[in-house]
Amino acid sequence: MHKPFRIVASTGIHKGDRDYQQDQVALLAHPRASGCLLAIVADGMGGRSGGRKASDQVMMTAAQLFERYDPATDYAPNFLKHLVQEAHIVIRLTAISAEQEPHSTIAAFLITPHGECHWVHAGDSRIYHFRGGQLLHRTSDHSYVQALVDRGEITEAEASTHPHANVLIGCLGMDNDPPATAYQIAQLVPGDTLLACSDGVWHYFSPSEFASVVDTLSPREATEFLVDKARWRARGSGDNLSLAIVKIEALAEERKPPQRFQGFTPANAAT
């Protein structure tokens, strides 16, 4: 039986050095079930109106479906799969009135009142699961360069600077059905942290850097720090940024004195 815990969460968003914001991020508390939370990141693509319309549709679909979701009777993976399918269909329908063909990534995780966590993603927005300052798992991008990495043709380090790093092979709004890759954490425990973010964030950090930040700082402090550091590392060429951080804490744990976070040394800075 799981121990009671509390959820501490925060979101961050910035348009970076782009002229307009096409990312969207949300944390939705279930209206009727305490301890049930949906976090979602959507990175829209397709011109100024197309990309924003696509990410808007992801958020509206998520809110509508989550309102009807019943964690006591509905199967969480089916809910997330349905969310991806519905958002994909709605985005395809909006293509008629958009400047360009709209697309969007999705990275969404659902925490149930019993402490399970289910996630789904399509595209290159990511979800990370950390425990006690260590990365346990992360999503694998539906992208051209990730396919090259999986085949052993390039390394992870080479992927980050590859000229086709932004080419997706699966997301919402494409002609083909989105991949909707799912994952389950059987039981969240105090010390667990979940991070969902767009590529405008994760491009500038290693998993160990993420782990250090989310383990040391509160979710609110961590979102602010990561946005600021990504902006600095982008050196004037940064994409839209969006992220959501959810931390699991014990209800009755003694509050430890806050640690001082020293940040990253120049040697860790991304190029």
C-alpha atoms as a PDB file:
ATOM      1  CA  MET A   1       0.000   0.000   0.000  1.00  0.00           C
ATOM      2  CA  HIS A   2       1.385   3.392  -0.923  1.00  0.00           C
ATOM      3  CA  LYS A   3       2.249   5.990   1.678  1.00  0.00           C
ATOM      4  CA  PRO A   4       0.477   9.350   1.551  1.00  0.00           C
ATOM      5  CA  PHE A   5       2.441  12.037  -0.242  1.00  0.00           C
ATOM      6  CA  ARG A   6       2.020  15.568  -1.429  1.00  0.00           C
ATOM      7  CA  ILE A   7       2.573  16.963  -4.889  1.00  0.00           C
ATOM      8  CA  VAL A   8       4.576  20.148  -5.422  1.00  0.00           C
ATOM      9  CA  ALA A   9       4.548  21.465  -8.973  1.00  0.00           C
ATOM     10  CA  SER A  10       5.410  24.391 -11.207  1.00  0.00           C
ATOM     11  CA  THR A  11       5.430  25.368 -14.877  1.00  0.00           C
ATOM     12  CA  GLY A  12       7.626  27.706 -16.892  1.00  0.00           C
ATOM     13  CA  ILE A  13       7.248  29.191 -20.365  1.00  0.00           C
ATOM     14  CA  HIS A  14       9.190  31.733 -22.452  1.00  0.00           C
ATOM     15  CA  LYS A  15       9.106  32.612 -26.144  1.00  0.00           C
ATOM     16  CA  GLY A  16      12.901  32.536 -26.314  1.00  0.00           C
ATOM     17  CA  ASP A  17      14.269  34.496 -29.262  1.00  0.00           C
ATOM     18  CA  ARG A  18      11.315  33.711 -31.512  1.00  0.00           C
ATOM     19  CA  ASP A  19       8.829  36.376 -32.603  1.00  0.00           C
ATOM     20  CA  TYR A  20       5.880  34.445 -31.222  1.00  0.00           C
ATOM     21  CA  GLN A  21       5.040  31.692 -28.756  1.00  0.00           C
ATOM     22  CA  GLN A  22       3.905  28.325 -30.113  1.00  0.00           C
ATOM     23  CA  ASP A  23       4.605  26.245 -26.987  1.00  0.00           C
ATOM     24  CA  GLN A  24       1.914  25.565 -24.427  1.00  0.00           C
ATOM     25  CA  VAL A  25       2.165  23.999 -20.969  1.00  0.00           C
ATOM     26  CA  ALA A  26      -0.418  23.190 -18.307  1.00  0.00           C
ATOM     27  CA  LEU A  27      -0.860  21.473 -14.960  1.00  0.00           C
ATOM     28  CA  LEU A  28      -4.450  20.376 -14.448  1.00  0.00           C
ATOM     29  CA  ALA A  29      -5.764  19.227 -11.070  1.00  0.00           C
ATOM     30  CA  HIS A  30      -8.715  16.873 -11.403  1.00  0.00           C
ATOM     31  CA  PRO A  31     -11.944  18.666 -10.469  1.00  0.00           C
ATOM     32  CA  ARG A  32     -13.330  15.766  -8.407  1.00  0.00           C
ATOM     33  CA  ALA A  33     -10.426  13.460  -7.448  1.00  0.00           C
ATOM     34  CA  SER A  34      -7.861  14.715  -4.955  1.00  0.00           C
ATOM     35  CA  GLY A  35      -4.266  13.815  -5.843  1.00  0.00           C
ATOM     36  CA  CYS A  36      -5.040  13.316  -9.534  1.00  0.00           C
ATOM     37  CA  LEU A  37      -2.965  15.545 -11.792  1.00  0.00           C
ATOM     38  CA  LEU A  38      -2.377  15.904 -15.532  1.00  0.00           C
ATOM     39  CA  ALA A  39       0.733  17.675 -16.824  1.00  0.00           C
ATOM     40  CA  ILE A  40       1.035  18.457 -20.510  1.00  0.00           C
ATOM     41  CA  VAL A  41       3.524  20.147 -22.842  1.00  0.00           C
ATOM     42  CA  ALA A  42       2.766  20.883 -26.507  1.00  0.00           C
ATOM     43  CA  ASP A  43       5.230  22.391 -28.990  1.00  0.00           C
ATOM     44  CA  GLY A  44       3.349  23.711 -32.017  1.00  0.00           C
ATOM     45  CA  MET A  45       4.769  23.930 -35.533  1.00  0.00           C
ATOM     46  CA  GLY A  46       3.481  25.409 -38.772  1.00  0.00           C
ATOM     47  CA  GLY A  47       3.759  29.170 -39.088  1.00  0.00           C
ATOM     48  CA  ARG A  48       2.562  31.732 -36.601  1.00  0.00           C
ATOM     49  CA  SER A  49      -1.096  30.745 -36.639  1.00  0.00           C
ATOM     50  CA  GLY A  50      -0.628  27.073 -37.477  1.00  0.00           C
ATOM     51  CA  GLY A  51       1.717  26.183 -34.643  1.00  0.00           C
ATOM     52  CA  ARG A  52      -0.192  28.096 -31.990  1.00  0.00           C
ATOM     53  CA  LYS A  53      -3.517  26.685 -33.168  1.00  0.00           C
ATOM     54  CA  ALA A  54      -2.093  23.178 -32.927  1.00  0.00           C
ATOM     55  CA  SER A  55      -0.756  23.561 -29.375  1.00  0.00           C
ATOM     56  CA  ASP A  56      -3.972  25.334 -28.337  1.00  0.00           C
ATOM     57  CA  GLN A  57      -5.982  22.383 -29.617  1.00  0.00           C
ATOM     58  CA  VAL A  58      -3.859  19.966 -27.583  1.00  0.00           C
ATOM     59  CA  MET A  59      -4.562  21.959 -24.412  1.00  0.00           C
ATOM     60  CA  MET A  60      -8.296  22.363 -25.059  1.00  0.00           C
ATOM     61  CA  THR A  61      -8.680  18.674 -25.855  1.00  0.00           C
ATOM     62  CA  ALA A  62      -6.763  17.717 -22.715  1.00  0.00           C
ATOM     63  CA  ALA A  63      -8.921  19.944 -20.495  1.00  0.00           C
ATOM     64  CA  GLN A  64     -12.170  18.632 -21.979  1.00  0.00           C
ATOM     65  CA  LEU A  65     -11.233  14.967 -21.724  1.00  0.00           C
ATOM     66  CA  PHE A  66      -9.725  15.313 -18.241  1.00  0.00           C
ATOM     67  CA  GLU A  67     -12.997  16.860 -17.031  1.00  0.00           C
ATOM     68  CA  ARG A  68     -14.771  13.647 -18.032  1.00  0.00           C
ATOM     69  CA  TYR A  69     -12.046  11.275 -16.833  1.00  0.00           C
ATOM     70  CA  ASP A  70     -12.925   9.209 -13.739  1.00  0.00           C
ATOM     71  CA  PRO A  71      -9.799   7.773 -12.082  1.00  0.00           C
ATOM     72  CA  ALA A  72     -11.933   5.286 -10.124  1.00  0.00           C
ATOM     73  CA  THR A  73     -13.311   3.566 -13.219  1.00  0.00           C
ATOM     74  CA  ASP A  74     -11.359   4.705 -16.307  1.00  0.00           C
ATOM     75  CA  TYR A  75      -8.094   3.102 -17.408  1.00  0.00           C
ATOM     76  CA  ALA A  76      -5.387   5.785 -17.452  1.00  0.00           C
ATOM     77  CA  PRO A  77      -3.431   4.495 -20.492  1.00  0.00           C
ATOM     78  CA  ASN A  78      -6.637   4.450 -22.538  1.00  0.00           C
ATOM     79  CA  PHE A  79      -7.385   8.018 -21.478  1.00  0.00           C
ATOM     80  CA  LEU A  80      -3.949   9.202 -22.630  1.00  0.00           C
ATOM     81  CA  LYS A  81      -4.187   7.286 -25.910  1.00  0.00           C
ATOM     82  CA  HIS A  82      -7.605   8.818 -26.518  1.00  0.00           C
ATOM     83  CA  LEU A  83      -6.185  12.274 -25.757  1.00  0.00           C
ATOM     84  CA  VAL A  84      -3.502  11.862 -28.425  1.00  0.00           C
ATOM     85  CA  GLN A  85      -5.985  10.565 -31.001  1.00  0.00           C
ATOM     86  CA  GLU A  86      -8.547  13.296 -30.367  1.00  0.00           C
ATOM     87  CA  ALA A  87      -5.969  16.112 -30.404  1.00  0.00           C
ATOM     88  CA  HIS A  88      -4.521  14.729 -33.642  1.00  0.00           C
ATOM     89  CA  ILE A  89      -7.958  14.710 -35.318  1.00  0.00           C
ATOM     90  CA  VAL A  90      -8.795  18.243 -34.173  1.00  0.00           C
ATOM     91  CA  ILE A  91      -5.433  19.570 -35.401  1.00  0.00           C
ATOM     92  CA  ARG A  92      -6.004  17.928 -38.785  1.00  0.00           C
ATOM     93  CA  LEU A  93      -9.364  19.705 -38.989  1.00  0.00           C
ATOM     94  CA  THR A  94      -7.820  23.114 -38.186  1.00  0.00           C
ATOM     95  CA  ALA A  95      -5.385  22.793 -41.102  1.00  0.00           C
ATOM     96  CA  ILE A  96      -8.028  24.206 -43.438  1.00  0.00           C
ATOM     97  CA  SER A  97      -7.861  27.688 -41.886  1.00  0.00           C
ATOM     98  CA  ALA A  98      -4.199  27.787 -40.825  1.00  0.00           C
ATOM     99  CA  GLU A  99      -1.355  29.607 -42.619  1.00  0.00           C
ATOM    100  CA  GLN A 100       0.607  26.395 -42.890  1.00  0.00           C
ATOM    101  CA  GLU A 101      -0.155  22.793 -42.035  1.00  0.00           C
ATOM    102  CA  PRO A 102      -0.292  22.725 -38.212  1.00  0.00           C
ATOM    103  CA  HIS A 103       1.524  20.114 -36.162  1.00  0.00           C
ATOM    104  CA  SER A 104       2.296  19.691 -32.486  1.00  0.00           C
ATOM    105  CA  THR A 105       4.267  17.487 -30.184  1.00  0.00           C
ATOM    106  CA  ILE A 106       2.705  16.202 -26.986  1.00  0.00           C
ATOM    107  CA  ALA A 107       4.280  15.066 -23.724  1.00  0.00           C
ATOM    108  CA  ALA A 108       1.708  14.320 -21.038  1.00  0.00           C
ATOM    109  CA  PHE A 109       1.808  12.463 -17.749  1.00  0.00           C
ATOM    110  CA  LEU A 110      -1.068  11.550 -15.462  1.00  0.00           C
ATOM    111  CA  ILE A 111      -0.698  10.925 -11.726  1.00  0.00           C
ATOM    112  CA  THR A 112      -3.537   8.920 -10.193  1.00  0.00           C
ATOM    113  CA  PRO A 113      -4.840   9.311  -6.605  1.00  0.00           C
ATOM    114  CA  HIS A 114      -3.141   5.989  -5.754  1.00  0.00           C
ATOM    115  CA  GLY A 115       0.279   7.206  -6.850  1.00  0.00           C
ATOM    116  CA  GLU A 116       0.595   5.533 -10.222  1.00  0.00           C
ATOM    117  CA  CYS A 117       1.994   7.559 -13.106  1.00  0.00           C
ATOM    118  CA  HIS A 118       1.234   7.018 -16.771  1.00  0.00           C
ATOM    119  CA  TRP A 119       2.664   9.013 -19.635  1.00  0.00           C
ATOM    120  CA  VAL A 120       2.383   9.352 -23.379  1.00  0.00           C
ATOM    121  CA  HIS A 121       4.356  11.334 -25.946  1.00  0.00           C
ATOM    122  CA  ALA A 122       4.592  12.008 -29.660  1.00  0.00           C
ATOM    123  CA  GLY A 123       7.366  14.075 -31.234  1.00  0.00           C
ATOM    124  CA  ASP A 124      10.450  15.450 -29.490  1.00  0.00           C
ATOM    125  CA  SER A 125       8.992  16.985 -26.340  1.00  0.00           C
ATOM    126  CA  ARG A 126      10.312  14.849 -23.507  1.00  0.00           C
ATOM    127  CA  ILE A 127       9.396  13.446 -20.100  1.00  0.00           C
ATOM    128  CA  TYR A 128      12.063  12.554 -17.526  1.00  0.00           C
ATOM    129  CA  HIS A 129      11.645  10.534 -14.325  1.00  0.00           C
ATOM    130  CA  PHE A 130      14.204  11.223 -11.604  1.00  0.00           C
ATOM    131  CA  ARG A 131      14.520   9.583  -8.189  1.00  0.00           C
ATOM    132  CA  GLY A 132      16.872  10.856  -5.524  1.00  0.00           C
ATOM    133  CA  GLY A 133      18.921  12.847  -8.035  1.00  0.00           C
ATOM    134  CA  GLN A 134      19.259  10.008 -10.556  1.00  0.00           C
ATOM    135  CA  LEU A 135      17.595   9.609 -13.953  1.00  0.00           C
ATOM    136  CA  LEU A 136      15.501   6.435 -14.079  1.00  0.00           C
ATOM    137  CA  HIS A 137      13.861   6.821 -17.488  1.00  0.00           C
ATOM    138  CA  ARG A 138      13.069   9.284 -20.236  1.00  0.00           C
ATOM    139  CA  THR A 139      11.093   9.293 -23.441  1.00  0.00           C
ATOM    140  CA  SER A 140      12.776   8.558 -26.765  1.00  0.00           C
ATOM    141  CA  ASP A 141      12.176  11.211 -29.430  1.00  0.00           C
ATOM    142  CA  HIS A 142      10.196  10.427 -32.561  1.00  0.00           C
ATOM    143  CA  SER A 143      12.806  12.178 -34.689  1.00  0.00           C
ATOM    144  CA  TYR A 144      15.180  11.521 -37.562  1.00  0.00           C
ATOM    145  CA  VAL A 145      18.308  11.903 -35.453  1.00  0.00           C
ATOM    146  CA  GLN A 146      16.952   9.623 -32.706  1.00  0.00           C
ATOM    147  CA  ALA A 147      16.454   6.959 -35.341  1.00  0.00           C
ATOM    148  CA  LEU A 148      20.109   7.418 -36.342  1.00  0.00           C
ATOM    149  CA  VAL A 149      21.155   7.070 -32.689  1.00  0.00           C
ATOM    150  CA  ASP A 150      19.025   3.947 -32.263  1.00  0.00           C
ATOM    151  CA  ARG A 151      20.719   2.391 -35.297  1.00  0.00           C
ATOM    152  CA  GLY A 152      24.153   3.245 -33.927  1.00  0.00           C
ATOM    153  CA  GLU A 153      24.992   5.573 -36.821  1.00  0.00           C
ATOM    154  CA  ILE A 154      25.611   8.617 -34.599  1.00  0.00           C
ATOM    155  CA  THR A 155      26.099   9.211 -30.879  1.00  0.00           C
ATOM    156  CA  GLU A 156      23.794  11.129 -28.512  1.00  0.00           C
ATOM    157  CA  ALA A 157      26.369  13.931 -28.468  1.00  0.00           C
ATOM    158  CA  GLU A 158      26.422  14.113 -32.266  1.00  0.00           C
ATOM    159  CA  ALA A 159      22.613  14.155 -32.359  1.00  0.00           C
ATOM    160  CA  SER A 160      22.413  17.457 -30.488  1.00  0.00           C
ATOM    161  CA  THR A 161      24.404  19.271 -33.210  1.00  0.00           C
ATOM    162  CA  HIS A 162      23.087  17.345 -36.227  1.00  0.00           C
ATOM    163  CA  PRO A 163      21.814  19.657 -39.028  1.00  0.00           C
ATOM    164  CA  HIS A 164      18.505  17.729 -39.137  1.00  0.00           C
ATOM    165  CA  ALA A 165      17.974  17.647 -35.373  1.00  0.00           C
ATOM    166  CA  ASN A 166      14.551  19.275 -35.699  1.00  0.00           C
ATOM    167  CA  VAL A 167      13.116  16.806 -38.235  1.00  0.00           C
ATOM    168  CA  LEU A 168      10.297  14.751 -36.695  1.00  0.00           C
ATOM    169  CA  ILE A 169       9.075  11.399 -37.971  1.00  0.00           C
ATOM    170  CA  GLY A 170       5.986  11.369 -35.747  1.00  0.00           C
ATOM    171  CA  CYS A 171       3.786  14.003 -34.092  1.00  0.00           C
ATOM    172  CA  LEU A 172       0.208  15.276 -34.016  1.00  0.00           C
ATOM    173  CA  GLY A 173      -1.285  16.633 -37.250  1.00  0.00           C
ATOM    174  CA  MET A 174       0.746  14.587 -39.734  1.00  0.00           C
ATOM    175  CA  ASP A 175      -0.877  12.510 -42.485  1.00  0.00           C
ATOM    176  CA  ASN A 176      -0.052   9.303 -40.637  1.00  0.00           C
ATOM    177  CA  ASP A 177      -1.336   8.462 -37.154  1.00  0.00           C
ATOM    178  CA  PRO A 178       0.839   9.753 -34.286  1.00  0.00           C
ATOM    179  CA  PRO A 179       3.060   7.197 -32.496  1.00  0.00           C
ATOM    180  CA  ALA A 180       1.658   7.801 -28.952  1.00  0.00           C
ATOM    181  CA  THR A 181       4.383   5.914 -27.066  1.00  0.00           C
ATOM    182  CA  ALA A 182       3.226   5.044 -23.530  1.00  0.00           C
ATOM    183  CA  TYR A 183       5.034   4.288 -20.262  1.00  0.00           C
ATOM    184  CA  GLN A 184       3.992   3.449 -16.698  1.00  0.00           C
ATOM    185  CA  ILE A 185       5.505   4.035 -13.257  1.00  0.00           C
ATOM    186  CA  ALA A 186       3.811   1.532 -10.962  1.00  0.00           C
ATOM    187  CA  GLN A 187       4.255   3.595  -7.807  1.00  0.00           C
ATOM    188  CA  LEU A 188       5.606   7.079  -7.230  1.00  0.00           C
ATOM    189  CA  VAL A 189       7.497   7.576  -3.970  1.00  0.00           C
ATOM    190  CA  PRO A 190       8.834  10.610  -2.095  1.00  0.00           C
ATOM    191  CA  GLY A 191      11.978  11.754  -3.860  1.00  0.00           C
ATOM    192  CA  ASP A 192      10.521  11.211  -7.330  1.00  0.00           C
ATOM    193  CA  THR A 193      10.452  14.115  -9.772  1.00  0.00           C
ATOM    194  CA  LEU A 194       8.821  14.263 -13.192  1.00  0.00           C
ATOM    195  CA  LEU A 195       9.934  16.802 -15.789  1.00  0.00           C
ATOM    196  CA  ALA A 196       8.122  17.413 -19.079  1.00  0.00           C
ATOM    197  CA  CYS A 197       9.656  19.922 -21.488  1.00  0.00           C
ATOM    198  CA  SER A 198       9.942  21.032 -25.104  1.00  0.00           C
ATOM    199  CA  ASP A 199      13.174  20.780 -27.098  1.00  0.00           C
ATOM    200  CA  GLY A 200      13.813  24.469 -26.444  1.00  0.00           C
ATOM    201  CA  VAL A 201      14.660  23.386 -22.900  1.00  0.00           C
ATOM    202  CA  TRP A 202      16.212  19.924 -23.066  1.00  0.00           C
ATOM    203  CA  HIS A 203      18.550  20.814 -25.935  1.00  0.00           C
ATOM    204  CA  TYR A 204      20.712  22.794 -23.485  1.00  0.00           C
ATOM    205  CA  PHE A 205      21.050  20.304 -20.623  1.00  0.00           C
ATOM    206  CA  SER A 206      22.426  16.862 -19.955  1.00  0.00           C
ATOM    207  CA  PRO A 207      20.308  14.423 -17.917  1.00  0.00           C
ATOM    208  CA  SER A 208      22.750  14.736 -15.013  1.00  0.00           C
ATOM    209  CA  GLU A 209      22.341  18.508 -15.020  1.00  0.00           C
ATOM    210  CA  PHE A 210      18.569  18.171 -14.977  1.00  0.00           C
ATOM    211  CA  ALA A 211      18.839  15.655 -12.131  1.00  0.00           C
ATOM    212  CA  SER A 212      21.002  17.976 -10.054  1.00  0.00           C
ATOM    213  CA  VAL A 213      18.660  20.938 -10.528  1.00  0.00           C
ATOM    214  CA  VAL A 214      15.388  19.161  -9.735  1.00  0.00           C
ATOM    215  CA  ASP A 215      16.903  17.340  -6.755  1.00  0.00           C
ATOM    216  CA  THR A 216      18.309  20.502  -5.193  1.00  0.00           C
ATOM    217  CA  LEU A 217      15.721  23.156  -5.972  1.00  0.00           C
ATOM    218  CA  SER A 218      11.974  23.423  -5.486  1.00  0.00           C
ATOM    219  CA  PRO A 219       9.885  23.021  -8.672  1.00  0.00           C
ATOM    220  CA  ARG A 220       9.328  26.776  -8.870  1.00  0.00           C
ATOM    221  CA  GLU A 221      13.019  27.554  -8.385  1.00  0.00           C
ATOM    222  CA  ALA A 222      13.999  24.811 -10.841  1.00  0.00           C
ATOM    223  CA  THR A 223      11.696  26.070 -13.613  1.00  0.00           C
ATOM    224  CA  GLU A 224      13.023  29.603 -13.235  1.00  0.00           C
ATOM    225  CA  PHE A 225      16.629  28.432 -13.165  1.00  0.00           C
ATOM    226  CA  LEU A 226      16.273  26.160 -16.213  1.00  0.00           C
ATOM    227  CA  VAL A 227      14.550  28.837 -18.293  1.00  0.00           C
ATOM    228  CA  ASP A 228      17.196  31.414 -17.387  1.00  0.00           C
ATOM    229  CA  LYS A 229      20.097  29.014 -18.020  1.00  0.00           C
ATOM    230  CA  ALA A 230      18.649  27.819 -21.341  1.00  0.00           C
ATOM    231  CA  ARG A 231      18.234  31.440 -22.441  1.00  0.00           C
ATOM    232  CA  TRP A 232      21.854  32.158 -21.541  1.00  0.00           C
ATOM    233  CA  ARG A 233      23.149  29.062 -23.313  1.00  0.00           C
ATOM    234  CA  ALA A 234      21.103  29.811 -26.440  1.00  0.00           C
ATOM    235  CA  ARG A 235      23.109  33.021 -26.968  1.00  0.00           C
ATOM    236  CA  GLY A 236      20.344  34.822 -28.818  1.00  0.00           C
ATOM    237  CA  SER A 237      19.124  31.926 -30.966  1.00  0.00           C
ATOM    238  CA  GLY A 238      16.800  30.120 -28.584  1.00  0.00           C
ATOM    239  CA  ASP A 239      13.536  28.394 -29.447  1.00  0.00           C
ATOM    240  CA  ASN A 240      10.299  28.672 -27.449  1.00  0.00           C
ATOM    241  CA  LEU A 241      10.705  27.068 -24.017  1.00  0.00           C
ATOM    242  CA  SER A 242       8.107  25.273 -21.900  1.00  0.00           C
ATOM    243  CA  LEU A 243       8.385  22.886 -18.983  1.00  0.00           C
ATOM    244  CA  ALA A 244       6.459  21.383 -16.095  1.00  0.00           C
ATOM    245  CA  ILE A 245       8.075  19.955 -12.962  1.00  0.00           C
ATOM    246  CA  VAL A 246       6.213  17.783 -10.441  1.00  0.00           C
ATOM    247  CA  LYS A 247       7.901  16.652  -7.256  1.00  0.00           C
ATOM    248  CA  ILE A 248       6.648  13.967  -4.863  1.00  0.00           C
ATOM    249  CA  GLU A 249       7.244  14.698  -1.175  1.00  0.00           C
ATOM    250  CA  ALA A 250       6.379  12.782   1.991  1.00  0.00           C
ATOM    251  CA  LEU A 251       3.542  14.306   3.981  1.00  0.00           C
ATOM    252  CA  ALA A 252       5.187  14.145   7.382  1.00  0.00           C
ATOM    253  CA  GLU A 253       8.850  14.492   6.513  1.00  0.00           C
ATOM    254  CA  GLU A 254      10.889  16.922   8.547  1.00  0.00           C
ATOM    255  CA  ARG A 255      11.737  19.960   6.539  1.00  0.00           C
ATOM    256  CA  LYS A 256      15.427  19.901   5.755  1.00  0.00           C
ATOM    257  CA  PRO A 257      17.382  23.157   5.585  1.00  0.00           C
ATOM    258  CA  PRO A 258      17.558  24.271   1.940  1.00  0.00           C
ATOM    259  CA  GLN A 259      20.742  23.424   0.097  1.00  0.00           C
ATOM    260  CA  ARG A 260      22.573  26.130  -1.767  1.00  0.00           C
ATOM    261  CA  PHE A 261      22.645  25.385  -5.477  1.00  0.00           C
ATOM    262  CA  GLN A 262      25.863  26.527  -7.095  1.00  0.00           C
ATOM    263  CA  GLY A 263      24.764  26.226 -10.718  1.00  0.00           C
ATOM    264  CA  PHE A 264      26.889  24.753 -13.487  1.00  0.00           C
ATOM    265  CA  THR A 265      30.532  25.394 -14.109  1.00  0.00           C
ATOM    266  CA  PRO A 266      31.567  26.826 -17.488  1.00  0.00           C
ATOM    267  CA  ALA A 267      32.919  23.414 -18.419  1.00  0.00           C
ATOM    268  CA  ASN A 268      29.362  22.056 -18.407  1.00  0.00           C
ATOM    269  CA  ALA A 269      27.964  24.807 -20.613  1.00  0.00           C
ATOM    270  CA  ALA A 270      26.419  23.658 -23.864  1.00  0.00           C
ATOM    271  CA  THR A 271      27.859  24.981 -27.065  1.00  0.00           C
END
